[in-house]
């Protein structure tokens, strides 16, 4: 989840693309923004 991604964000300049295969992505979206993801993808089936 976002905690692991956030822990690695300061250690690399790589592009972070989060593919959220989760049921309620809106509920957790802020977590992934705060984690430093450069792109966030959600599923149409979930939203």
ModelCIF file with pLDDT and N, C-alpha, C, O atoms, coordinates in Angstrom:
data_MODEL
#
_entry.id   MODEL 
#
_entity.id                         1 
_entity.type                       polymer 
_entity.pdbx_number_of_molecules   1 
#
_entity_poly.entity_id                      1 
_entity_poly.type                           'polypeptide(L)' 
_entity_poly.nstd_linkage                   no 
_entity_poly.nstd_monomer                   no 
_entity_poly.pdbx_seq_one_letter_code       
;(UNK)(UNK)(UNK)(UNK)(UNK)(UNK)(UNK)(UNK)(UNK)(UNK)(UNK)(UNK)(UNK)(UNK)(UNK)(UNK)
(UNK)(UNK)(UNK)(UNK)(UNK)(UNK)(UNK)(UNK)(UNK)(UNK)(UNK)(UNK)(UNK)(UNK)(UNK)(UNK)
(UNK)(UNK)(UNK)(UNK)(UNK)(UNK)(UNK)(UNK)(UNK)(UNK)(UNK)(UNK)(UNK)(UNK)(UNK)
;
_entity_poly.pdbx_seq_one_letter_code_can   XXXXXXXXXXXXXXXXXXXXXXXXXXXXXXXXXXXXXXXXXXXXXXX 
_entity_poly.pdbx_strand_id                 A 
#
loop_
_entity_poly_seq.entity_id 
_entity_poly_seq.num 
_entity_poly_seq.mon_id 
_entity_poly_seq.hetero 
1 1  UNK n 
1 2  UNK n 
1 3  UNK n 
1 4  UNK n 
1 5  UNK n 
1 6  UNK n 
1 7  UNK n 
1 8  UNK n 
1 9  UNK n 
1 10 UNK n 
1 11 UNK n 
1 12 UNK n 
1 13 UNK n 
1 14 UNK n 
1 15 UNK n 
1 16 UNK n 
1 17 UNK n 
1 18 UNK n 
1 19 UNK n 
1 20 UNK n 
1 21 UNK n 
1 22 UNK n 
1 23 UNK n 
1 24 UNK n 
1 25 UNK n 
1 26 UNK n 
1 27 UNK n 
1 28 UNK n 
1 29 UNK n 
1 30 UNK n 
1 31 UNK n 
1 32 UNK n 
1 33 UNK n 
1 34 UNK n 
1 35 UNK n 
1 36 UNK n 
1 37 UNK n 
1 38 UNK n 
1 39 UNK n 
1 40 UNK n 
1 41 UNK n 
1 42 UNK n 
1 43 UNK n 
1 44 UNK n 
1 45 UNK n 
1 46 UNK n 
1 47 UNK n 
#
_struct_asym.id          A 
_struct_asym.entity_id   1 
#
loop_
_ma_qa_metric.id 
_ma_qa_metric.mode 
_ma_qa_metric.name 
_ma_qa_metric.software_group_id 
_ma_qa_metric.type 
1 global pLDDT . pLDDT 
2 local  pLDDT . pLDDT 
#
_ma_qa_metric_global.metric_id      1 
_ma_qa_metric_global.metric_value   96.45 
_ma_qa_metric_global.model_id       1 
_ma_qa_metric_global.ordinal_id     1 
#
loop_
_ma_qa_metric_local.label_asym_id 
_ma_qa_metric_local.label_comp_id 
_ma_qa_metric_local.label_seq_id 
_ma_qa_metric_local.metric_id 
_ma_qa_metric_local.metric_value 
_ma_qa_metric_local.model_id 
_ma_qa_metric_local.ordinal_id 
A UNK 1  2 92.00 1 1  
A UNK 2  2 96.00 1 2  
A UNK 3  2 96.00 1 3  
A UNK 4  2 96.00 1 4  
A UNK 5  2 97.00 1 5  
A UNK 6  2 97.00 1 6  
A UNK 7  2 96.00 1 7  
A UNK 8  2 96.00 1 8  
A UNK 9  2 97.00 1 9  
A UNK 10 2 97.00 1 10 
A UNK 11 2 96.00 1 11 
A UNK 12 2 96.00 1 12 
A UNK 13 2 95.00 1 13 
A UNK 14 2 96.00 1 14 
A UNK 15 2 97.00 1 15 
A UNK 16 2 97.00 1 16 
A UNK 17 2 97.00 1 17 
A UNK 18 2 98.00 1 18 
A UNK 19 2 97.00 1 19 
A UNK 20 2 97.00 1 20 
A UNK 21 2 94.00 1 21 
A UNK 22 2 94.00 1 22 
A UNK 23 2 92.00 1 23 
A UNK 24 2 94.00 1 24 
A UNK 25 2 96.00 1 25 
A UNK 26 2 95.00 1 26 
A UNK 27 2 95.00 1 27 
A UNK 28 2 96.00 1 28 
A UNK 29 2 97.00 1 29 
A UNK 30 2 97.00 1 30 
A UNK 31 2 98.00 1 31 
A UNK 32 2 98.00 1 32 
A UNK 33 2 98.00 1 33 
A UNK 34 2 98.00 1 34 
A UNK 35 2 98.00 1 35 
A UNK 36 2 98.00 1 36 
A UNK 37 2 98.00 1 37 
A UNK 38 2 97.00 1 38 
A UNK 39 2 97.00 1 39 
A UNK 40 2 98.00 1 40 
A UNK 41 2 98.00 1 41 
A UNK 42 2 98.00 1 42 
A UNK 43 2 98.00 1 43 
A UNK 44 2 97.00 1 44 
A UNK 45 2 97.00 1 45 
A UNK 46 2 96.00 1 46 
A UNK 47 2 95.00 1 47 
#
loop_
_atom_site.group_PDB 
_atom_site.id 
_atom_site.type_symbol 
_atom_site.label_atom_id 
_atom_site.label_alt_id 
_atom_site.label_comp_id 
_atom_site.label_asym_id 
_atom_site.label_entity_id 
_atom_site.label_seq_id 
_atom_site.pdbx_PDB_ins_code 
_atom_site.Cartn_x 
_atom_site.Cartn_y 
_atom_site.Cartn_z 
_atom_site.occupancy 
_atom_site.B_iso_or_equiv 
_atom_site.pdbx_formal_charge 
_atom_site.auth_seq_id 
_atom_site.auth_comp_id 
_atom_site.auth_asym_id 
_atom_site.auth_atom_id 
_atom_site.pdbx_PDB_model_num 
ATOM 1   N N  . UNK A 1 1  ? 0.801   -1.214 0.000   1.00 92.00 ? 1  UNK A N  1 
ATOM 2   C CA . UNK A 1 1  ? 0.000   0.000  0.000   1.00 92.00 ? 1  UNK A CA 1 
ATOM 3   C C  . UNK A 1 1  ? 0.828   1.254  0.000   1.00 92.00 ? 1  UNK A C  1 
ATOM 4   O O  . UNK A 1 1  ? 2.024   1.240  -0.290  1.00 92.00 ? 1  UNK A O  1 
ATOM 5   N N  . UNK A 1 2  ? 0.155   2.360  0.338   1.00 96.00 ? 2  UNK A N  1 
ATOM 6   C CA . UNK A 1 2  ? 0.788   3.670  0.235   1.00 96.00 ? 2  UNK A CA 1 
ATOM 7   C C  . UNK A 1 2  ? 1.962   3.829  1.184   1.00 96.00 ? 2  UNK A C  1 
ATOM 8   O O  . UNK A 1 2  ? 2.922   4.530  0.863   1.00 96.00 ? 2  UNK A O  1 
ATOM 9   N N  . UNK A 1 3  ? 1.904   3.191  2.348   1.00 96.00 ? 3  UNK A N  1 
ATOM 10  C CA . UNK A 1 3  ? 3.006   3.348  3.307   1.00 96.00 ? 3  UNK A CA 1 
ATOM 11  C C  . UNK A 1 3  ? 4.326   2.847  2.735   1.00 96.00 ? 3  UNK A C  1 
ATOM 12  O O  . UNK A 1 3  ? 5.361   3.494  2.897   1.00 96.00 ? 3  UNK A O  1 
ATOM 13  N N  . UNK A 1 4  ? 4.292   1.711  2.075   1.00 96.00 ? 4  UNK A N  1 
ATOM 14  C CA . UNK A 1 4  ? 5.522   1.179  1.490   1.00 96.00 ? 4  UNK A CA 1 
ATOM 15  C C  . UNK A 1 4  ? 6.020   2.079  0.357   1.00 96.00 ? 4  UNK A C  1 
ATOM 16  O O  . UNK A 1 4  ? 7.215   2.361  0.263   1.00 96.00 ? 4  UNK A O  1 
ATOM 17  N N  . UNK A 1 5  ? 5.112   2.522  -0.489  1.00 97.00 ? 5  UNK A N  1 
ATOM 18  C CA . UNK A 1 5  ? 5.499   3.395  -1.602  1.00 97.00 ? 5  UNK A CA 1 
ATOM 19  C C  . UNK A 1 5  ? 6.110   4.686  -1.063  1.00 97.00 ? 5  UNK A C  1 
ATOM 20  O O  . UNK A 1 5  ? 7.129   5.154  -1.570  1.00 97.00 ? 5  UNK A O  1 
ATOM 21  N N  . UNK A 1 6  ? 5.491   5.254  -0.046  1.00 97.00 ? 6  UNK A N  1 
ATOM 22  C CA . UNK A 1 6  ? 6.000   6.507  0.538   1.00 97.00 ? 6  UNK A CA 1 
ATOM 23  C C  . UNK A 1 6  ? 7.392   6.328  1.119   1.00 97.00 ? 6  UNK A C  1 
ATOM 24  O O  . UNK A 1 6  ? 8.211   7.245  1.057   1.00 97.00 ? 6  UNK A O  1 
ATOM 25  N N  . UNK A 1 7  ? 7.668   5.170  1.677   1.00 96.00 ? 7  UNK A N  1 
ATOM 26  C CA . UNK A 1 7  ? 8.981   4.945  2.290   1.00 96.00 ? 7  UNK A CA 1 
ATOM 27  C C  . UNK A 1 7  ? 10.093  4.921  1.254   1.00 96.00 ? 7  UNK A C  1 
ATOM 28  O O  . UNK A 1 7  ? 11.242  5.230  1.567   1.00 96.00 ? 7  UNK A O  1 
ATOM 29  N N  . UNK A 1 8  ? 9.757   4.555  0.023   1.00 96.00 ? 8  UNK A N  1 
ATOM 30  C CA . UNK A 1 8  ? 10.761  4.468  -1.029  1.00 96.00 ? 8  UNK A CA 1 
ATOM 31  C C  . UNK A 1 8  ? 10.865  5.740  -1.870  1.00 96.00 ? 8  UNK A C  1 
ATOM 32  O O  . UNK A 1 8  ? 11.852  5.942  -2.577  1.00 96.00 ? 8  UNK A O  1 
ATOM 33  N N  . UNK A 1 9  ? 9.858   6.585  -1.793  1.00 97.00 ? 9  UNK A N  1 
ATOM 34  C CA . UNK A 1 9  ? 9.837   7.780  -2.652  1.00 97.00 ? 9  UNK A CA 1 
ATOM 35  C C  . UNK A 1 9  ? 11.078  8.663  -2.498  1.00 97.00 ? 9  UNK A C  1 
ATOM 36  O O  . UNK A 1 9  ? 11.593  9.131  -3.514  1.00 97.00 ? 9  UNK A O  1 
ATOM 37  N N  . UNK A 1 10 ? 11.590  8.920  -1.281  1.00 97.00 ? 10 UNK A N  1 
ATOM 38  C CA . UNK A 1 10 ? 12.763  9.794  -1.179  1.00 97.00 ? 10 UNK A CA 1 
ATOM 39  C C  . UNK A 1 10 ? 14.059  9.152  -1.667  1.00 97.00 ? 10 UNK A C  1 
ATOM 40  O O  . UNK A 1 10 ? 15.074  9.836  -1.802  1.00 97.00 ? 10 UNK A O  1 
ATOM 41  N N  . UNK A 1 11 ? 14.035  7.864  -1.928  1.00 96.00 ? 11 UNK A N  1 
ATOM 42  C CA . UNK A 1 11 ? 15.263  7.144  -2.233  1.00 96.00 ? 11 UNK A CA 1 
ATOM 43  C C  . UNK A 1 11 ? 15.516  6.940  -3.720  1.00 96.00 ? 11 UNK A C  1 
ATOM 44  O O  . UNK A 1 11 ? 16.520  6.339  -4.102  1.00 96.00 ? 11 UNK A O  1 
ATOM 45  N N  . UNK A 1 12 ? 14.617  7.433  -4.556  1.00 96.00 ? 12 UNK A N  1 
ATOM 46  C CA . UNK A 1 12 ? 14.764  7.236  -5.987  1.00 96.00 ? 12 UNK A CA 1 
ATOM 47  C C  . UNK A 1 12 ? 14.070  8.360  -6.747  1.00 96.00 ? 12 UNK A C  1 
ATOM 48  O O  . UNK A 1 12 ? 13.091  8.937  -6.273  1.00 96.00 ? 12 UNK A O  1 
ATOM 49  N N  . UNK A 1 13 ? 14.588  8.659  -7.922  1.00 95.00 ? 13 UNK A N  1 
ATOM 50  C CA . UNK A 1 13 ? 13.957  9.637  -8.803  1.00 95.00 ? 13 UNK A CA 1 
ATOM 51  C C  . UNK A 1 13 ? 13.071  8.968  -9.855  1.00 95.00 ? 13 UNK A C  1 
ATOM 52  O O  . UNK A 1 13 ? 12.568  9.638  -10.757 1.00 95.00 ? 13 UNK A O  1 
ATOM 53  N N  . UNK A 1 14 ? 12.882  7.669  -9.746  1.00 96.00 ? 14 UNK A N  1 
ATOM 54  C CA . UNK A 1 14 ? 12.079  6.940  -10.716 1.00 96.00 ? 14 UNK A CA 1 
ATOM 55  C C  . UNK A 1 14 ? 10.637  7.448  -10.726 1.00 96.00 ? 14 UNK A C  1 
ATOM 56  O O  . UNK A 1 14 ? 10.147  8.007  -9.744  1.00 96.00 ? 14 UNK A O  1 
ATOM 57  N N  . UNK A 1 15 ? 9.984   7.242  -11.845 1.00 97.00 ? 15 UNK A N  1 
ATOM 58  C CA . UNK A 1 15 ? 8.571   7.579  -12.002 1.00 97.00 ? 15 UNK A CA 1 
ATOM 59  C C  . UNK A 1 15 ? 7.742   6.503  -11.304 1.00 97.00 ? 15 UNK A C  1 
ATOM 60  O O  . UNK A 1 15 ? 7.900   5.314  -11.580 1.00 97.00 ? 15 UNK A O  1 
ATOM 61  N N  . UNK A 1 16 ? 6.871   6.920  -10.411 1.00 97.00 ? 16 UNK A N  1 
ATOM 62  C CA . UNK A 1 16 ? 6.038   5.984  -9.653  1.00 97.00 ? 16 UNK A CA 1 
ATOM 63  C C  . UNK A 1 16 ? 4.619   5.991  -10.225 1.00 97.00 ? 16 UNK A C  1 
ATOM 64  O O  . UNK A 1 16 ? 3.921   7.004  -10.182 1.00 97.00 ? 16 UNK A O  1 
ATOM 65  N N  . UNK A 1 17 ? 4.216   4.857  -10.751 1.00 97.00 ? 17 UNK A N  1 
ATOM 66  C CA . UNK A 1 17 ? 2.903   4.684  -11.375 1.00 97.00 ? 17 UNK A CA 1 
ATOM 67  C C  . UNK A 1 17 ? 2.108   3.706  -10.506 1.00 97.00 ? 17 UNK A C  1 
ATOM 68  O O  . UNK A 1 17 ? 2.388   2.507  -10.514 1.00 97.00 ? 17 UNK A O  1 
ATOM 69  N N  . UNK A 1 18 ? 1.130   4.201  -9.767  1.00 98.00 ? 18 UNK A N  1 
ATOM 70  C CA . UNK A 1 18 ? 0.329   3.366  -8.875  1.00 98.00 ? 18 UNK A CA 1 
ATOM 71  C C  . UNK A 1 18 ? -0.916  2.882  -9.602  1.00 98.00 ? 18 UNK A C  1 
ATOM 72  O O  . UNK A 1 18 ? -1.727  3.682  -10.068 1.00 98.00 ? 18 UNK A O  1 
ATOM 73  N N  . UNK A 1 19 ? -1.057  1.585  -9.692  1.00 97.00 ? 19 UNK A N  1 
ATOM 74  C CA . UNK A 1 19 ? -2.208  0.938  -10.331 1.00 97.00 ? 19 UNK A CA 1 
ATOM 75  C C  . UNK A 1 19 ? -3.093  0.402  -9.214  1.00 97.00 ? 19 UNK A C  1 
ATOM 76  O O  . UNK A 1 19 ? -2.804  -0.640 -8.625  1.00 97.00 ? 19 UNK A O  1 
ATOM 77  N N  . UNK A 1 20 ? -4.178  1.128  -8.926  1.00 97.00 ? 20 UNK A N  1 
ATOM 78  C CA . UNK A 1 20 ? -5.017  0.820  -7.779  1.00 97.00 ? 20 UNK A CA 1 
ATOM 79  C C  . UNK A 1 20 ? -6.083  -0.201 -8.158  1.00 97.00 ? 20 UNK A C  1 
ATOM 80  O O  . UNK A 1 20 ? -7.137  0.147  -8.690  1.00 97.00 ? 20 UNK A O  1 
ATOM 81  N N  . UNK A 1 21 ? -5.792  -1.460 -7.874  1.00 94.00 ? 21 UNK A N  1 
ATOM 82  C CA . UNK A 1 21 ? -6.763  -2.541 -8.080  1.00 94.00 ? 21 UNK A CA 1 
ATOM 83  C C  . UNK A 1 21 ? -7.501  -2.748 -6.763  1.00 94.00 ? 21 UNK A C  1 
ATOM 84  O O  . UNK A 1 21 ? -7.372  -3.782 -6.107  1.00 94.00 ? 21 UNK A O  1 
ATOM 85  N N  . UNK A 1 22 ? -8.283  -1.727 -6.396  1.00 94.00 ? 22 UNK A N  1 
ATOM 86  C CA . UNK A 1 22 ? -8.970  -1.716 -5.110  1.00 94.00 ? 22 UNK A CA 1 
ATOM 87  C C  . UNK A 1 22 ? -10.412 -1.263 -5.324  1.00 94.00 ? 22 UNK A C  1 
ATOM 88  O O  . UNK A 1 22 ? -10.739 -0.617 -6.319  1.00 94.00 ? 22 UNK A O  1 
ATOM 89  N N  . UNK A 1 23 ? -11.263 -1.620 -4.362  1.00 92.00 ? 23 UNK A N  1 
ATOM 90  C CA . UNK A 1 23 ? -12.704 -1.414 -4.534  1.00 92.00 ? 23 UNK A CA 1 
ATOM 91  C C  . UNK A 1 23 ? -13.150 0.031  -4.358  1.00 92.00 ? 23 UNK A C  1 
ATOM 92  O O  . UNK A 1 23 ? -14.112 0.447  -5.003  1.00 92.00 ? 23 UNK A O  1 
ATOM 93  N N  . UNK A 1 24 ? -12.503 0.790  -3.531  1.00 94.00 ? 24 UNK A N  1 
ATOM 94  C CA . UNK A 1 24 ? -12.935 2.162  -3.253  1.00 94.00 ? 24 UNK A CA 1 
ATOM 95  C C  . UNK A 1 24 ? -11.747 3.105  -3.359  1.00 94.00 ? 24 UNK A C  1 
ATOM 96  O O  . UNK A 1 24 ? -11.291 3.639  -2.348  1.00 94.00 ? 24 UNK A O  1 
ATOM 97  N N  . UNK A 1 25 ? -11.234 3.318  -4.576  1.00 96.00 ? 25 UNK A N  1 
ATOM 98  C CA . UNK A 1 25 ? -9.999  4.102  -4.699  1.00 96.00 ? 25 UNK A CA 1 
ATOM 99  C C  . UNK A 1 25 ? -10.132 5.536  -4.211  1.00 96.00 ? 25 UNK A C  1 
ATOM 100 O O  . UNK A 1 25 ? -9.157  6.118  -3.737  1.00 96.00 ? 25 UNK A O  1 
ATOM 101 N N  . UNK A 1 26 ? -11.325 6.113  -4.319  1.00 95.00 ? 26 UNK A N  1 
ATOM 102 C CA . UNK A 1 26 ? -11.493 7.482  -3.861  1.00 95.00 ? 26 UNK A CA 1 
ATOM 103 C C  . UNK A 1 26 ? -11.218 7.641  -2.379  1.00 95.00 ? 26 UNK A C  1 
ATOM 104 O O  . UNK A 1 26 ? -10.726 8.682  -1.945  1.00 95.00 ? 26 UNK A O  1 
ATOM 105 N N  . UNK A 1 27 ? -11.531 6.619  -1.603  1.00 95.00 ? 27 UNK A N  1 
ATOM 106 C CA . UNK A 1 27 ? -11.323 6.657  -0.158  1.00 95.00 ? 27 UNK A CA 1 
ATOM 107 C C  . UNK A 1 27 ? -9.848  6.754  0.203   1.00 95.00 ? 27 UNK A C  1 
ATOM 108 O O  . UNK A 1 27 ? -9.489  7.344  1.223   1.00 95.00 ? 27 UNK A O  1 
ATOM 109 N N  . UNK A 1 28 ? -8.998  6.176  -0.631  1.00 96.00 ? 28 UNK A N  1 
ATOM 110 C CA . UNK A 1 28 ? -7.570  6.091  -0.327  1.00 96.00 ? 28 UNK A CA 1 
ATOM 111 C C  . UNK A 1 28 ? -6.709  6.965  -1.239  1.00 96.00 ? 28 UNK A C  1 
ATOM 112 O O  . UNK A 1 28 ? -5.481  6.954  -1.145  1.00 96.00 ? 28 UNK A O  1 
ATOM 113 N N  . UNK A 1 29 ? -7.357  7.712  -2.111  1.00 97.00 ? 29 UNK A N  1 
ATOM 114 C CA . UNK A 1 29 ? -6.594  8.456  -3.117  1.00 97.00 ? 29 UNK A CA 1 
ATOM 115 C C  . UNK A 1 29 ? -5.589  9.406  -2.491  1.00 97.00 ? 29 UNK A C  1 
ATOM 116 O O  . UNK A 1 29 ? -4.452  9.497  -2.953  1.00 97.00 ? 29 UNK A O  1 
ATOM 117 N N  . UNK A 1 30 ? -5.990  10.111 -1.450  1.00 97.00 ? 30 UNK A N  1 
ATOM 118 C CA . UNK A 1 30 ? -5.090  11.083 -0.832  1.00 97.00 ? 30 UNK A CA 1 
ATOM 119 C C  . UNK A 1 30 ? -3.822  10.407 -0.305  1.00 97.00 ? 30 UNK A C  1 
ATOM 120 O O  . UNK A 1 30 ? -2.743  10.997 -0.336  1.00 97.00 ? 30 UNK A O  1 
ATOM 121 N N  . UNK A 1 31 ? -3.956  9.169  0.177   1.00 98.00 ? 31 UNK A N  1 
ATOM 122 C CA . UNK A 1 31 ? -2.788  8.441  0.671   1.00 98.00 ? 31 UNK A CA 1 
ATOM 123 C C  . UNK A 1 31 ? -1.744  8.257  -0.425  1.00 98.00 ? 31 UNK A C  1 
ATOM 124 O O  . UNK A 1 31 ? -0.545  8.383  -0.178  1.00 98.00 ? 31 UNK A O  1 
ATOM 125 N N  . UNK A 1 32 ? -2.203  7.961  -1.627  1.00 98.00 ? 32 UNK A N  1 
ATOM 126 C CA . UNK A 1 32 ? -1.266  7.717  -2.729  1.00 98.00 ? 32 UNK A CA 1 
ATOM 127 C C  . UNK A 1 32 ? -0.719  9.020  -3.302  1.00 98.00 ? 32 UNK A C  1 
ATOM 128 O O  . UNK A 1 32 ? 0.408   9.059  -3.797  1.00 98.00 ? 32 UNK A O  1 
ATOM 129 N N  . UNK A 1 33 ? -1.504  10.071 -3.236  1.00 98.00 ? 33 UNK A N  1 
ATOM 130 C CA . UNK A 1 33 ? -0.967  11.376 -3.607  1.00 98.00 ? 33 UNK A CA 1 
ATOM 131 C C  . UNK A 1 33 ? 0.119   11.792 -2.614  1.00 98.00 ? 33 UNK A C  1 
ATOM 132 O O  . UNK A 1 33 ? 1.181   12.267 -3.017  1.00 98.00 ? 33 UNK A O  1 
ATOM 133 N N  . UNK A 1 34 ? -0.146  11.616 -1.324  1.00 98.00 ? 34 UNK A N  1 
ATOM 134 C CA . UNK A 1 34 ? 0.827   11.978 -0.302  1.00 98.00 ? 34 UNK A CA 1 
ATOM 135 C C  . UNK A 1 34 ? 2.062   11.080 -0.359  1.00 98.00 ? 34 UNK A C  1 
ATOM 136 O O  . UNK A 1 34 ? 3.150   11.490 0.046   1.00 98.00 ? 34 UNK A O  1 
ATOM 137 N N  . UNK A 1 35 ? 1.895   9.867  -0.858  1.00 98.00 ? 35 UNK A N  1 
ATOM 138 C CA . UNK A 1 35 ? 3.028   8.943  -0.967  1.00 98.00 ? 35 UNK A CA 1 
ATOM 139 C C  . UNK A 1 35 ? 3.993   9.346  -2.075  1.00 98.00 ? 35 UNK A C  1 
ATOM 140 O O  . UNK A 1 35 ? 5.106   8.826  -2.147  1.00 98.00 ? 35 UNK A O  1 
ATOM 141 N N  . UNK A 1 36 ? 3.573   10.276 -2.946  1.00 98.00 ? 36 UNK A N  1 
ATOM 142 C CA . UNK A 1 36 ? 4.465   10.757 -3.992  1.00 98.00 ? 36 UNK A CA 1 
ATOM 143 C C  . UNK A 1 36 ? 4.328   10.046 -5.319  1.00 98.00 ? 36 UNK A C  1 
ATOM 144 O O  . UNK A 1 36 ? 5.251   10.080 -6.133  1.00 98.00 ? 36 UNK A O  1 
ATOM 145 N N  . UNK A 1 37 ? 3.198   9.401  -5.558  1.00 98.00 ? 37 UNK A N  1 
ATOM 146 C CA . UNK A 1 37 ? 2.987   8.745  -6.860  1.00 98.00 ? 37 UNK A CA 1 
ATOM 147 C C  . UNK A 1 37 ? 2.873   9.796  -7.956  1.00 98.00 ? 37 UNK A C  1 
ATOM 148 O O  . UNK A 1 37 ? 2.197   10.811 -7.786  1.00 98.00 ? 37 UNK A O  1 
ATOM 149 N N  . UNK A 1 38 ? 3.525   9.554  -9.061  1.00 97.00 ? 38 UNK A N  1 
ATOM 150 C CA . UNK A 1 38 ? 3.495   10.482 -10.185 1.00 97.00 ? 38 UNK A CA 1 
ATOM 151 C C  . UNK A 1 38 ? 2.275   10.264 -11.074 1.00 97.00 ? 38 UNK A C  1 
ATOM 152 O O  . UNK A 1 38 ? 1.778   11.200 -11.700 1.00 97.00 ? 38 UNK A O  1 
ATOM 153 N N  . UNK A 1 39 ? 1.803   9.037  -11.124 1.00 97.00 ? 39 UNK A N  1 
ATOM 154 C CA . UNK A 1 39 ? 0.593   8.688  -11.867 1.00 97.00 ? 39 UNK A CA 1 
ATOM 155 C C  . UNK A 1 39 ? -0.220  7.735  -11.013 1.00 97.00 ? 39 UNK A C  1 
ATOM 156 O O  . UNK A 1 39 ? 0.330   6.898  -10.299 1.00 97.00 ? 39 UNK A O  1 
ATOM 157 N N  . UNK A 1 40 ? -1.535  7.871  -11.095 1.00 98.00 ? 40 UNK A N  1 
ATOM 158 C CA . UNK A 1 40 ? -2.438  6.989  -10.357 1.00 98.00 ? 40 UNK A CA 1 
ATOM 159 C C  . UNK A 1 40 ? -3.519  6.526  -11.317 1.00 98.00 ? 40 UNK A C  1 
ATOM 160 O O  . UNK A 1 40 ? -4.199  7.332  -11.951 1.00 98.00 ? 40 UNK A O  1 
ATOM 161 N N  . UNK A 1 41 ? -3.664  5.206  -11.410 1.00 98.00 ? 41 UNK A N  1 
ATOM 162 C CA . UNK A 1 41 ? -4.660  4.603  -12.305 1.00 98.00 ? 41 UNK A CA 1 
ATOM 163 C C  . UNK A 1 41 ? -5.701  3.875  -11.470 1.00 98.00 ? 41 UNK A C  1 
ATOM 164 O O  . UNK A 1 41 ? -5.366  3.109  -10.566 1.00 98.00 ? 41 UNK A O  1 
ATOM 165 N N  . UNK A 1 42 ? -6.963  4.122  -11.783 1.00 98.00 ? 42 UNK A N  1 
ATOM 166 C CA . UNK A 1 42 ? -8.068  3.438  -11.128 1.00 98.00 ? 42 UNK A CA 1 
ATOM 167 C C  . UNK A 1 42 ? -8.813  2.607  -12.159 1.00 98.00 ? 42 UNK A C  1 
ATOM 168 O O  . UNK A 1 42 ? -8.658  2.808  -13.364 1.00 98.00 ? 42 UNK A O  1 
ATOM 169 N N  . UNK A 1 43 ? -9.627  1.667  -11.674 1.00 98.00 ? 43 UNK A N  1 
ATOM 170 C CA . UNK A 1 43 ? -10.372 0.778  -12.561 1.00 98.00 ? 43 UNK A CA 1 
ATOM 171 C C  . UNK A 1 43 ? -11.796 1.269  -12.754 1.00 98.00 ? 43 UNK A C  1 
ATOM 172 O O  . UNK A 1 43 ? -12.474 1.659  -11.804 1.00 98.00 ? 43 UNK A O  1 
ATOM 173 N N  . UNK A 1 44 ? -12.230 1.241  -14.004 1.00 97.00 ? 44 UNK A N  1 
ATOM 174 C CA . UNK A 1 44 ? -13.601 1.613  -14.312 1.00 97.00 ? 44 UNK A CA 1 
ATOM 175 C C  . UNK A 1 44 ? -14.594 0.666  -13.640 1.00 97.00 ? 44 UNK A C  1 
ATOM 176 O O  . UNK A 1 44 ? -15.698 1.077  -13.283 1.00 97.00 ? 44 UNK A O  1 
ATOM 177 N N  . UNK A 1 45 ? -14.213 -0.583 -13.469 1.00 97.00 ? 45 UNK A N  1 
ATOM 178 C CA . UNK A 1 45 ? -15.092 -1.544 -12.812 1.00 97.00 ? 45 UNK A CA 1 
ATOM 179 C C  . UNK A 1 45 ? -15.311 -1.211 -11.329 1.00 97.00 ? 45 UNK A C  1 
ATOM 180 O O  . UNK A 1 45 ? -16.336 -1.570 -10.749 1.00 97.00 ? 45 UNK A O  1 
ATOM 181 N N  . UNK A 1 46 ? -14.344 -0.528 -10.731 1.00 96.00 ? 46 UNK A N  1 
ATOM 182 C CA . UNK A 1 46 ? -14.441 -0.149 -9.327  1.00 96.00 ? 46 UNK A CA 1 
ATOM 183 C C  . UNK A 1 46 ? -15.126 1.197  -9.141  1.00 96.00 ? 46 UNK A C  1 
ATOM 184 O O  . UNK A 1 46 ? -15.707 1.468  -8.090  1.00 96.00 ? 46 UNK A O  1 
ATOM 185 N N  . UNK A 1 47 ? -15.055 2.039  -10.171 1.00 95.00 ? 47 UNK A N  1 
ATOM 186 C CA . UNK A 1 47 ? -15.616 3.392  -10.092 1.00 95.00 ? 47 UNK A CA 1 
ATOM 187 C C  . UNK A 1 47 ? -16.414 3.647  -11.371 1.00 95.00 ? 47 UNK A C  1 
ATOM 188 O O  . UNK A 1 47 ? -16.984 4.725  -11.538 1.00 95.00 ? 47 UNK A O  1 
#
